């Protein structure tokens, strides 16, 4: 008979394995977009803005670290920039409940 402890360990391990599969991948186009600061885009053309959001927990259960959330939001913004004719994103807000706003720029002619 399987003990309750073994079942708990098995369920926990399964959740962590599944949670590790939830990632935001950069598209081939998104890899070409950069994340810069406002000072770095003074000579660039602004193409608009993008607000991106993700869940703050893996599978709705396991909290993501703040750095993981920030990196995933940057990837989403970079992917979005290309569809807006941009090649650069600049964070315009702080991360708030899994959401962040970015300005989209075209810096490379």
PDB file of N, CA and C in Angstrom:
ATOM      1  N   UNK A   1       0.841  -1.182   0.000  1.00  0.00           N
ATOM      2  CA  UNK A   1       0.000   0.000   0.000  1.00  0.00           C
ATOM      3  C   UNK A   1       0.888   1.250   0.000  1.00  0.00           C
ATOM      4  N   UNK A   2       0.512   2.229  -0.809  1.00  0.00           N
ATOM      5  CA  UNK A   2       1.296   3.449  -0.917  1.00  0.00           C
ATOM      6  C   UNK A   2       0.929   4.389   0.227  1.00  0.00           C
ATOM      7  N   UNK A   3       1.931   4.901   0.883  1.00  0.00           N
ATOM      8  CA  UNK A   3       1.685   5.793   2.014  1.00  0.00           C
ATOM      9  C   UNK A   3       1.228   7.169   1.532  1.00  0.00           C
ATOM     10  N   UNK A   4       0.585   7.905   2.429  1.00  0.00           N
ATOM     11  CA  UNK A   4       0.114   9.252   2.102  1.00  0.00           C
ATOM     12  C   UNK A   4       1.296  10.170   1.779  1.00  0.00           C
ATOM     13  N   UNK A   5       2.410   9.965   2.451  1.00  0.00           N
ATOM     14  CA  UNK A   5       3.590  10.777   2.191  1.00  0.00           C
ATOM     15  C   UNK A   5       4.093  10.567   0.770  1.00  0.00           C
ATOM     16  N   UNK A   6       4.131   9.316   0.328  1.00  0.00           N
ATOM     17  CA  UNK A   6       4.582   9.040  -1.040  1.00  0.00           C
ATOM     18  C   UNK A   6       3.651   9.661  -2.067  1.00  0.00           C
ATOM     19  N   UNK A   7       2.363   9.605  -1.806  1.00  0.00           N
ATOM     20  CA  UNK A   7       1.399  10.208  -2.729  1.00  0.00           C
ATOM     21  C   UNK A   7       1.604  11.719  -2.781  1.00  0.00           C
ATOM     22  N   UNK A   8       1.801  12.342  -1.619  1.00  0.00           N
ATOM     23  CA  UNK A   8       2.023  13.787  -1.564  1.00  0.00           C
ATOM     24  C   UNK A   8       3.289  14.165  -2.321  1.00  0.00           C
ATOM     25  N   UNK A   9       4.354  13.397  -2.150  1.00  0.00           N
ATOM     26  CA  UNK A   9       5.609  13.665  -2.850  1.00  0.00           C
ATOM     27  C   UNK A   9       5.416  13.505  -4.354  1.00  0.00           C
ATOM     28  N   UNK A  10       4.711  12.479  -4.766  1.00  0.00           N
ATOM     29  CA  UNK A  10       4.462  12.227  -6.185  1.00  0.00           C
ATOM     30  C   UNK A  10       3.636  13.362  -6.806  1.00  0.00           C
ATOM     31  N   UNK A  11       2.592  13.794  -6.120  1.00  0.00           N
ATOM     32  CA  UNK A  11       1.755  14.877  -6.630  1.00  0.00           C
ATOM     33  C   UNK A  11       2.562  16.169  -6.725  1.00  0.00           C
ATOM     34  N   UNK A  12       3.343  16.479  -5.700  1.00  0.00           N
ATOM     35  CA  UNK A  12       4.159  17.689  -5.703  1.00  0.00           C
ATOM     36  C   UNK A  12       5.185  17.661  -6.830  1.00  0.00           C
ATOM     37  N   UNK A  13       5.853  16.542  -6.986  1.00  0.00           N
ATOM     38  CA  UNK A  13       6.848  16.419  -8.055  1.00  0.00           C
ATOM     39  C   UNK A  13       6.199  16.567  -9.424  1.00  0.00           C
ATOM     40  N   UNK A  14       5.035  16.000  -9.601  1.00  0.00           N
ATOM     41  CA  UNK A  14       4.321  16.107 -10.870  1.00  0.00           C
ATOM     42  C   UNK A  14       3.958  17.557 -11.168  1.00  0.00           C
ATOM     43  N   UNK A  15       3.489  18.284 -10.159  1.00  0.00           N
ATOM     44  CA  UNK A  15       3.141  19.694 -10.353  1.00  0.00           C
ATOM     45  C   UNK A  15       4.357  20.524 -10.756  1.00  0.00           C
ATOM     46  N   UNK A  16       5.496  20.261 -10.118  1.00  0.00           N
ATOM     47  CA  UNK A  16       6.694  21.020 -10.466  1.00  0.00           C
ATOM     48  C   UNK A  16       7.179  20.685 -11.872  1.00  0.00           C
ATOM     49  N   UNK A  17       7.061  19.455 -12.292  1.00  0.00           N
ATOM     50  CA  UNK A  17       7.456  19.077 -13.655  1.00  0.00           C
ATOM     51  C   UNK A  17       6.543  19.767 -14.662  1.00  0.00           C
ATOM     52  N   UNK A  18       5.248  19.742 -14.406  1.00  0.00           N
ATOM     53  CA  UNK A  18       4.309  20.398 -15.314  1.00  0.00           C
ATOM     54  C   UNK A  18       4.517  21.909 -15.329  1.00  0.00           C
ATOM     55  N   UNK A  19       4.796  22.473 -14.169  1.00  0.00           N
ATOM     56  CA  UNK A  19       5.009  23.917 -14.080  1.00  0.00           C
ATOM     57  C   UNK A  19       6.236  24.343 -14.864  1.00  0.00           C
ATOM     58  N   UNK A  20       7.252  23.527 -14.884  1.00  0.00           N
ATOM     59  CA  UNK A  20       8.470  23.891 -15.597  1.00  0.00           C
ATOM     60  C   UNK A  20       8.254  23.915 -17.106  1.00  0.00           C
ATOM     61  N   UNK A  21       7.192  23.310 -17.586  1.00  0.00           N
ATOM     62  CA  UNK A  21       6.906  23.290 -19.022  1.00  0.00           C
ATOM     63  C   UNK A  21       6.222  24.566 -19.493  1.00  0.00           C
ATOM     64  N   UNK A  22       5.706  25.373 -18.584  1.00  0.00           N
ATOM     65  CA  UNK A  22       4.975  26.587 -18.940  1.00  0.00           C
ATOM     66  C   UNK A  22       5.950  27.738 -19.132  1.00  0.00           C
ATOM     67  N   UNK A  23       6.343  27.974 -20.367  1.00  0.00           N
ATOM     68  CA  UNK A  23       7.283  29.053 -20.657  1.00  0.00           C
ATOM     69  C   UNK A  23       6.770  29.886 -21.825  1.00  0.00           C
ATOM     70  N   UNK A  24       7.297  31.069 -21.943  1.00  0.00           N
ATOM     71  CA  UNK A  24       7.001  31.943 -23.078  1.00  0.00           C
ATOM     72  C   UNK A  24       8.237  31.919 -23.964  1.00  0.00           C
ATOM     73  N   UNK A  25       8.085  31.448 -25.170  1.00  0.00           N
ATOM     74  CA  UNK A  25       9.206  31.354 -26.098  1.00  0.00           C
ATOM     75  C   UNK A  25       9.237  32.571 -27.015  1.00  0.00           C
ATOM     76  N   UNK A  26      10.421  33.031 -27.313  1.00  0.00           N
ATOM     77  CA  UNK A  26      10.580  34.077 -28.315  1.00  0.00           C
ATOM     78  C   UNK A  26      10.365  33.477 -29.696  1.00  0.00           C
ATOM     79  N   UNK A  27       9.643  34.194 -30.533  1.00  0.00           N
ATOM     80  CA  UNK A  27       9.532  33.768 -31.918  1.00  0.00           C
ATOM     81  C   UNK A  27      10.840  34.122 -32.624  1.00  0.00           C
ATOM     82  N   UNK A  28      11.015  33.613 -33.817  1.00  0.00           N
ATOM     83  CA  UNK A  28      12.219  33.947 -34.593  1.00  0.00           C
ATOM     84  C   UNK A  28      12.276  35.454 -34.808  1.00  0.00           C
ATOM     85  N   UNK A  29      11.118  36.062 -35.077  1.00  0.00           N
ATOM     86  CA  UNK A  29      11.075  37.506 -35.274  1.00  0.00           C
ATOM     87  C   UNK A  29      11.335  38.235 -33.951  1.00  0.00           C
ATOM     88  N   UNK A  30      10.746  37.726 -32.860  1.00  0.00           N
ATOM     89  CA  UNK A  30      10.910  38.349 -31.551  1.00  0.00           C
ATOM     90  C   UNK A  30      12.356  38.378 -31.084  1.00  0.00           C
ATOM     91  N   UNK A  31      13.148  37.422 -31.541  1.00  0.00           N
ATOM     92  CA  UNK A  31      14.566  37.395 -31.176  1.00  0.00           C
ATOM     93  C   UNK A  31      15.302  38.622 -31.703  1.00  0.00           C
ATOM     94  N   UNK A  32      14.760  39.237 -32.757  1.00  0.00           N
ATOM     95  CA  UNK A  32      15.407  40.402 -33.359  1.00  0.00           C
ATOM     96  C   UNK A  32      15.101  41.689 -32.585  1.00  0.00           C
ATOM     97  N   UNK A  33      14.082  41.677 -31.742  1.00  0.00           N
ATOM     98  CA  UNK A  33      13.703  42.872 -30.984  1.00  0.00           C
ATOM     99  C   UNK A  33      14.525  42.967 -29.708  1.00  0.00           C
ATOM    100  N   UNK A  34      14.810  44.205 -29.316  1.00  0.00           N
ATOM    101  CA  UNK A  34      15.635  44.445 -28.135  1.00  0.00           C
ATOM    102  C   UNK A  34      14.808  45.115 -27.049  1.00  0.00           C
ATOM    103  N   UNK A  35      15.303  45.022 -25.823  1.00  0.00           N
ATOM    104  CA  UNK A  35      14.724  45.749 -24.696  1.00  0.00           C
ATOM    105  C   UNK A  35      15.747  46.812 -24.302  1.00  0.00           C
ATOM    106  N   UNK A  36      15.350  48.086 -24.418  1.00  0.00           N
ATOM    107  CA  UNK A  36      16.255  49.186 -24.107  1.00  0.00           C
ATOM    108  C   UNK A  36      15.616  50.132 -23.100  1.00  0.00           C
ATOM    109  N   UNK A  37      16.400  51.095 -22.653  1.00  0.00           N
ATOM    110  CA  UNK A  37      15.906  52.109 -21.719  1.00  0.00           C
ATOM    111  C   UNK A  37      15.406  53.315 -22.517  1.00  0.00           C
ATOM    112  N   UNK A  38      14.637  54.197 -21.888  1.00  0.00           N
ATOM    113  CA  UNK A  38      14.160  55.400 -22.594  1.00  0.00           C
ATOM    114  C   UNK A  38      15.294  56.256 -23.170  1.00  0.00           C
ATOM    115  N   UNK A  39      16.416  56.327 -22.483  1.00  0.00           N
ATOM    116  CA  UNK A  39      17.546  57.119 -22.990  1.00  0.00           C
ATOM    117  C   UNK A  39      18.126  56.551 -24.280  1.00  0.00           C
ATOM    118  N   UNK A  40      17.969  55.256 -24.485  1.00  0.00           N
ATOM    119  CA  UNK A  40      18.554  54.597 -25.654  1.00  0.00           C
ATOM    120  C   UNK A  40      17.725  54.745 -26.926  1.00  0.00           C
ATOM    121  N   UNK A  41      16.511  55.272 -26.814  1.00  0.00           N
ATOM    122  CA  UNK A  41      15.631  55.332 -27.991  1.00  0.00           C
ATOM    123  C   UNK A  41      15.289  56.764 -28.403  1.00  0.00           C
ATOM    124  N   UNK A  42      16.104  57.701 -28.004  1.00  0.00           N
ATOM    125  CA  UNK A  42      15.831  59.118 -28.304  1.00  0.00           C
ATOM    126  C   UNK A  42      15.799  59.407 -29.807  1.00  0.00           C
ATOM    127  N   UNK A  43      16.545  58.663 -30.591  1.00  0.00           N
ATOM    128  CA  UNK A  43      16.593  58.879 -32.035  1.00  0.00           C
ATOM    129  C   UNK A  43      15.783  57.843 -32.804  1.00  0.00           C
ATOM    130  N   UNK A  44      14.864  57.190 -32.123  1.00  0.00           N
ATOM    131  CA  UNK A  44      14.052  56.146 -32.744  1.00  0.00           C
ATOM    132  C   UNK A  44      12.636  56.651 -33.011  1.00  0.00           C
ATOM    133  N   UNK A  45      11.939  55.960 -33.886  1.00  0.00           N
ATOM    134  CA  UNK A  45      10.549  56.294 -34.209  1.00  0.00           C
ATOM    135  C   UNK A  45       9.628  55.455 -33.329  1.00  0.00           C
ATOM    136  N   UNK A  46       8.734  56.105 -32.606  1.00  0.00           N
ATOM    137  CA  UNK A  46       7.789  55.378 -31.764  1.00  0.00           C
ATOM    138  C   UNK A  46       6.663  54.831 -32.621  1.00  0.00           C
ATOM    139  N   UNK A  47       6.385  53.529 -32.464  1.00  0.00           N
ATOM    140  CA  UNK A  47       5.346  52.875 -33.252  1.00  0.00           C
ATOM    141  C   UNK A  47       4.086  52.589 -32.445  1.00  0.00           C
ATOM    142  N   UNK A  48       4.098  52.876 -31.161  1.00  0.00           N
ATOM    143  CA  UNK A  48       2.914  52.609 -30.348  1.00  0.00           C
ATOM    144  C   UNK A  48       3.294  51.979 -29.032  1.00  0.00           C
ATOM    145  N   UNK A  49       2.347  51.260 -28.479  1.00  0.00           N
ATOM    146  CA  UNK A  49       2.578  50.611 -27.198  1.00  0.00           C
ATOM    147  C   UNK A  49       1.933  49.241 -27.158  1.00  0.00           C
ATOM    148  N   UNK A  50       2.366  48.450 -26.216  1.00  0.00           N
ATOM    149  CA  UNK A  50       1.820  47.107 -26.044  1.00  0.00           C
ATOM    150  C   UNK A  50       1.725  46.809 -24.552  1.00  0.00           C
ATOM    151  N   UNK A  51       0.564  46.365 -24.124  1.00  0.00           N
ATOM    152  CA  UNK A  51       0.396  45.902 -22.758  1.00  0.00           C
ATOM    153  C   UNK A  51       0.287  44.390 -22.812  1.00  0.00           C
ATOM    154  N   UNK A  52       1.178  43.722 -22.111  1.00  0.00           N
ATOM    155  CA  UNK A  52       1.217  42.265 -22.130  1.00  0.00           C
ATOM    156  C   UNK A  52       0.946  41.738 -20.726  1.00  0.00           C
ATOM    157  N   UNK A  53       0.421  40.532 -20.649  1.00  0.00           N
ATOM    158  CA  UNK A  53       0.132  39.959 -19.332  1.00  0.00           C
ATOM    159  C   UNK A  53       0.269  38.444 -19.370  1.00  0.00           C
ATOM    160  N   UNK A  54       0.571  37.899 -18.208  1.00  0.00           N
ATOM    161  CA  UNK A  54       0.682  36.457 -18.020  1.00  0.00           C
ATOM    162  C   UNK A  54       0.134  36.119 -16.643  1.00  0.00           C
ATOM    163  N   UNK A  55      -0.099  34.834 -16.410  1.00  0.00           N
ATOM    164  CA  UNK A  55      -0.505  34.390 -15.085  1.00  0.00           C
ATOM    165  C   UNK A  55       0.677  34.462 -14.127  1.00  0.00           C
ATOM    166  N   UNK A  56       0.384  34.737 -12.875  1.00  0.00           N
ATOM    167  CA  UNK A  56       1.447  34.856 -11.878  1.00  0.00           C
ATOM    168  C   UNK A  56       1.791  33.524 -11.223  1.00  0.00           C
ATOM    169  N   UNK A  57       1.063  32.475 -11.599  1.00  0.00           N
ATOM    170  CA  UNK A  57       1.316  31.157 -11.012  1.00  0.00           C
ATOM    171  C   UNK A  57       1.376  30.107 -12.116  1.00  0.00           C
ATOM    172  N   UNK A  58       2.221  29.116 -11.913  1.00  0.00           N
ATOM    173  CA  UNK A  58       2.265  27.973 -12.814  1.00  0.00           C
ATOM    174  C   UNK A  58       1.023  27.139 -12.573  1.00  0.00           C
ATOM    175  N   UNK A  59       0.310  26.840 -13.633  1.00  0.00           N
ATOM    176  CA  UNK A  59      -0.893  26.024 -13.557  1.00  0.00           C
ATOM    177  C   UNK A  59      -1.892  26.559 -12.541  1.00  0.00           C
ATOM    178  N   UNK A  60      -1.801  27.843 -12.235  1.00  0.00           N
ATOM    179  CA  UNK A  60      -2.689  28.442 -11.266  1.00  0.00           C
ATOM    180  C   UNK A  60      -2.424  28.051  -9.828  1.00  0.00           C
ATOM    181  N   UNK A  61      -1.307  27.352  -9.579  1.00  0.00           N
ATOM    182  CA  UNK A  61      -1.040  26.846  -8.233  1.00  0.00           C
ATOM    183  C   UNK A  61       0.278  27.311  -7.633  1.00  0.00           C
ATOM    184  N   UNK A  62       1.353  27.194  -8.388  1.00  0.00           N
ATOM    185  CA  UNK A  62       2.695  27.458  -7.875  1.00  0.00           C
ATOM    186  C   UNK A  62       3.120  28.871  -8.284  1.00  0.00           C
ATOM    187  N   UNK A  63       3.398  29.767  -7.330  1.00  0.00           N
ATOM    188  CA  UNK A  63       3.769  31.145  -7.680  1.00  0.00           C
ATOM    189  C   UNK A  63       5.068  31.195  -8.498  1.00  0.00           C
ATOM    190  N   UNK A  64       5.071  32.084  -9.505  1.00  0.00           N
ATOM    191  CA  UNK A  64       6.280  32.331 -10.279  1.00  0.00           C
ATOM    192  C   UNK A  64       7.106  33.387  -9.557  1.00  0.00           C
ATOM    193  N   UNK A  65       8.409  33.340  -9.737  1.00  0.00           N
ATOM    194  CA  UNK A  65       9.265  34.363  -9.135  1.00  0.00           C
ATOM    195  C   UNK A  65       9.079  35.672  -9.895  1.00  0.00           C
ATOM    196  N   UNK A  66       9.297  36.812  -9.231  1.00  0.00           N
ATOM    197  CA  UNK A  66       9.185  38.102  -9.928  1.00  0.00           C
ATOM    198  C   UNK A  66      10.092  38.198 -11.154  1.00  0.00           C
ATOM    199  N   UNK A  67      11.293  37.632 -11.079  1.00  0.00           N
ATOM    200  CA  UNK A  67      12.191  37.706 -12.241  1.00  0.00           C
ATOM    201  C   UNK A  67      11.673  36.862 -13.403  1.00  0.00           C
ATOM    202  N   UNK A  68      11.065  35.723 -13.116  1.00  0.00           N
ATOM    203  CA  UNK A  68      10.484  34.892 -14.168  1.00  0.00           C
ATOM    204  C   UNK A  68       9.342  35.633 -14.852  1.00  0.00           C
ATOM    205  N   UNK A  69       8.499  36.259 -14.053  1.00  0.00           N
ATOM    206  CA  UNK A  69       7.382  37.032 -14.616  1.00  0.00           C
ATOM    207  C   UNK A  69       7.915  38.149 -15.504  1.00  0.00           C
ATOM    208  N   UNK A  70       8.910  38.888 -15.028  1.00  0.00           N
ATOM    209  CA  UNK A  70       9.477  39.996 -15.806  1.00  0.00           C
ATOM    210  C   UNK A  70      10.070  39.510 -17.124  1.00  0.00           C
ATOM    211  N   UNK A  71      10.805  38.403 -17.088  1.00  0.00           N
ATOM    212  CA  UNK A  71      11.411  37.879 -18.323  1.00  0.00           C
ATOM    213  C   UNK A  71      10.341  37.409 -19.306  1.00  0.00           C
ATOM    214  N   UNK A  72       9.295  36.763 -18.796  1.00  0.00           N
ATOM    215  CA  UNK A  72       8.235  36.301 -19.687  1.00  0.00           C
ATOM    216  C   UNK A  72       7.486  37.473 -20.307  1.00  0.00           C
ATOM    217  N   UNK A  73       7.265  38.533 -19.548  1.00  0.00           N
ATOM    218  CA  UNK A  73       6.603  39.718 -20.093  1.00  0.00           C
ATOM    219  C   UNK A  73       7.469  40.382 -21.169  1.00  0.00           C
ATOM    220  N   UNK A  74       8.779  40.432 -20.943  1.00  0.00           N
ATOM    221  CA  UNK A  74       9.673  40.997 -21.958  1.00  0.00           C
ATOM    222  C   UNK A  74       9.621  40.177 -23.240  1.00  0.00           C
ATOM    223  N   UNK A  75       9.580  38.868 -23.116  1.00  0.00           N
ATOM    224  CA  UNK A  75       9.497  38.020 -24.320  1.00  0.00           C
ATOM    225  C   UNK A  75       8.211  38.291 -25.085  1.00  0.00           C
ATOM    226  N   UNK A  76       7.096  38.390 -24.359  1.00  0.00           N
ATOM    227  CA  UNK A  76       5.825  38.687 -25.026  1.00  0.00           C
ATOM    228  C   UNK A  76       5.874  40.044 -25.723  1.00  0.00           C
ATOM    229  N   UNK A  77       6.460  41.039 -25.056  1.00  0.00           N
ATOM    230  CA  UNK A  77       6.564  42.373 -25.654  1.00  0.00           C
ATOM    231  C   UNK A  77       7.434  42.350 -26.903  1.00  0.00           C
ATOM    232  N   UNK A  78       8.541  41.640 -26.845  1.00  0.00           N
ATOM    233  CA  UNK A  78       9.425  41.545 -28.012  1.00  0.00           C
ATOM    234  C   UNK A  78       8.710  40.867 -29.175  1.00  0.00           C
ATOM    235  N   UNK A  79       7.957  39.809 -28.890  1.00  0.00           N
ATOM    236  CA  UNK A  79       7.187  39.133 -29.936  1.00  0.00           C
ATOM    237  C   UNK A  79       6.153  40.085 -30.533  1.00  0.00           C
ATOM    238  N   UNK A  80       5.511  40.894 -29.692  1.00  0.00           N
ATOM    239  CA  UNK A  80       4.486  41.838 -30.150  1.00  0.00           C
ATOM    240  C   UNK A  80       5.076  42.979 -30.972  1.00  0.00           C
ATOM    241  N   UNK A  81       6.264  43.435 -30.608  1.00  0.00           N
ATOM    242  CA  UNK A  81       6.889  44.581 -31.282  1.00  0.00           C
ATOM    243  C   UNK A  81       7.036  44.343 -32.777  1.00  0.00           C
ATOM    244  N   UNK A  82       7.433  43.169 -33.133  1.00  0.00           N
ATOM    245  CA  UNK A  82       7.663  42.856 -34.546  1.00  0.00           C
ATOM    246  C   UNK A  82       6.379  42.997 -35.345  1.00  0.00           C
ATOM    247  N   UNK A  83       5.260  42.592 -34.763  1.00  0.00           N
ATOM    248  CA  UNK A  83       3.966  42.688 -35.459  1.00  0.00           C
ATOM    249  C   UNK A  83       3.497  44.133 -35.588  1.00  0.00           C
ATOM    250  N   UNK A  84       4.118  45.034 -34.824  1.00  0.00           N
ATOM    251  CA  UNK A  84       3.771  46.451 -34.880  1.00  0.00           C
ATOM    252  C   UNK A  84       4.783  47.243 -35.704  1.00  0.00           C
ATOM    253  N   UNK A  85       5.695  46.544 -36.370  1.00  0.00           N
ATOM    254  CA  UNK A  85       6.702  47.219 -37.181  1.00  0.00           C
ATOM    255  C   UNK A  85       7.860  47.767 -36.362  1.00  0.00           C
ATOM    256  N   UNK A  86       8.001  47.315 -35.140  1.00  0.00           N
ATOM    257  CA  UNK A  86       9.081  47.788 -34.285  1.00  0.00           C
ATOM    258  C   UNK A  86      10.204  46.779 -34.160  1.00  0.00           C
ATOM    259  N   UNK A  87      11.313  47.238 -33.573  1.00  0.00           N
ATOM    260  CA  UNK A  87      12.440  46.349 -33.330  1.00  0.00           C
ATOM    261  C   UNK A  87      12.997  46.526 -31.918  1.00  0.00           C
ATOM    262  N   UNK A  88      12.316  47.369 -31.124  1.00  0.00           N
ATOM    263  CA  UNK A  88      12.792  47.685 -29.784  1.00  0.00           C
ATOM    264  C   UNK A  88      11.592  47.937 -28.869  1.00  0.00           C
ATOM    265  N   UNK A  89      11.684  47.477 -27.629  1.00  0.00           N
ATOM    266  CA  UNK A  89      10.661  47.777 -26.637  1.00  0.00           C
ATOM    267  C   UNK A  89      11.318  48.431 -25.425  1.00  0.00           C
ATOM    268  N   UNK A  90      10.548  49.309 -24.794  1.00  0.00           N
ATOM    269  CA  UNK A  90      11.007  49.995 -23.589  1.00  0.00           C
ATOM    270  C   UNK A  90       9.928  49.833 -22.525  1.00  0.00           C
ATOM    271  N   UNK A  91      10.272  49.269 -21.364  1.00  0.00           N
ATOM    272  CA  UNK A  91       9.271  49.146 -20.304  1.00  0.00           C
ATOM    273  C   UNK A  91       8.786  50.533 -19.876  1.00  0.00           C
ATOM    274  N   UNK A  92       7.475  50.728 -19.838  1.00  0.00           N
ATOM    275  CA  UNK A  92       6.904  52.014 -19.460  1.00  0.00           C
ATOM    276  C   UNK A  92       6.216  51.946 -18.093  1.00  0.00           C
ATOM    277  N   UNK A  93       6.065  50.771 -17.565  1.00  0.00           N
ATOM    278  CA  UNK A  93       5.455  50.621 -16.248  1.00  0.00           C
ATOM    279  C   UNK A  93       6.175  49.495 -15.517  1.00  0.00           C
ATOM    280  N   UNK A  94       5.922  49.414 -14.245  1.00  0.00           N
ATOM    281  CA  UNK A  94       6.427  48.290 -13.468  1.00  0.00           C
ATOM    282  C   UNK A  94       5.491  47.118 -13.656  1.00  0.00           C
ATOM    283  N   UNK A  95       5.957  45.927 -13.344  1.00  0.00           N
ATOM    284  CA  UNK A  95       5.116  44.745 -13.406  1.00  0.00           C
ATOM    285  C   UNK A  95       4.078  44.852 -12.290  1.00  0.00           C
ATOM    286  N   UNK A  96       2.811  44.691 -12.655  1.00  0.00           N
ATOM    287  CA  UNK A  96       1.726  44.770 -11.688  1.00  0.00           C
ATOM    288  C   UNK A  96       0.731  43.654 -11.964  1.00  0.00           C
ATOM    289  N   UNK A  97       0.664  42.711 -11.064  1.00  0.00           N
ATOM    290  CA  UNK A  97      -0.253  41.571 -11.172  1.00  0.00           C
ATOM    291  C   UNK A  97      -0.118  40.852 -12.511  1.00  0.00           C
ATOM    292  N   UNK A  98       1.131  40.619 -12.907  1.00  0.00           N
ATOM    293  CA  UNK A  98       1.401  39.879 -14.134  1.00  0.00           C
ATOM    294  C   UNK A  98       1.193  40.673 -15.406  1.00  0.00           C
ATOM    295  N   UNK A  99       1.177  41.994 -15.303  1.00  0.00           N
ATOM    296  CA  UNK A  99       0.938  42.841 -16.478  1.00  0.00           C
ATOM    297  C   UNK A  99       1.971  43.963 -16.521  1.00  0.00           C
ATOM    298  N   UNK A 100       2.357  44.355 -17.749  1.00  0.00           N
ATOM    299  CA  UNK A 100       3.311  45.439 -17.920  1.00  0.00           C
ATOM    300  C   UNK A 100       3.082  46.099 -19.277  1.00  0.00           C
ATOM    301  N   UNK A 101       3.308  47.417 -19.321  1.00  0.00           N
ATOM    302  CA  UNK A 101       3.153  48.178 -20.561  1.00  0.00           C
ATOM    303  C   UNK A 101       4.531  48.533 -21.109  1.00  0.00           C
ATOM    304  N   UNK A 102       4.676  48.386 -22.416  1.00  0.00           N
ATOM    305  CA  UNK A 102       5.921  48.683 -23.124  1.00  0.00           C
ATOM    306  C   UNK A 102       5.631  49.644 -24.264  1.00  0.00           C
ATOM    307  N   UNK A 103       6.549  50.554 -24.527  1.00  0.00           N
ATOM    308  CA  UNK A 103       6.512  51.379 -25.738  1.00  0.00           C
ATOM    309  C   UNK A 103       7.264  50.609 -26.819  1.00  0.00           C
ATOM    310  N   UNK A 104       6.783  50.712 -28.036  1.00  0.00           N
ATOM    311  CA  UNK A 104       7.398  50.002 -29.164  1.00  0.00           C
ATOM    312  C   UNK A 104       8.015  51.032 -30.099  1.00  0.00           C
ATOM    313  N   UNK A 105       9.280  50.809 -30.452  1.00  0.00           N
ATOM    314  CA  UNK A 105      10.028  51.726 -31.299  1.00  0.00           C
ATOM    315  C   UNK A 105      10.639  50.997 -32.494  1.00  0.00           C
ATOM    316  N   UNK A 106      10.894  51.778 -33.546  1.00  0.00           N
ATOM    317  CA  UNK A 106      11.690  51.303 -34.686  1.00  0.00           C
ATOM    318  C   UNK A 106      12.977  52.111 -34.643  1.00  0.00           C
ATOM    319  N   UNK A 107      14.067  51.425 -34.345  1.00  0.00           N
ATOM    320  CA  UNK A 107      15.374  52.093 -34.223  1.00  0.00           C
ATOM    321  C   UNK A 107      16.308  51.765 -35.370  1.00  0.00           C
ATOM    322  N   UNK A 108      16.124  50.620 -35.973  1.00  0.00           N
ATOM    323  CA  UNK A 108      16.999  50.183 -37.058  1.00  0.00           C
ATOM    324  C   UNK A 108      16.288  50.464 -38.381  1.00  0.00           C
ATOM    325  N   UNK A 109      16.886  51.321 -39.241  1.00  0.00           N
ATOM    326  CA  UNK A 109      16.220  51.668 -40.512  1.00  0.00           C
ATOM    327  C   UNK A 109      16.060  50.476 -41.434  1.00  0.00           C
TER     328      UNK A 109
END
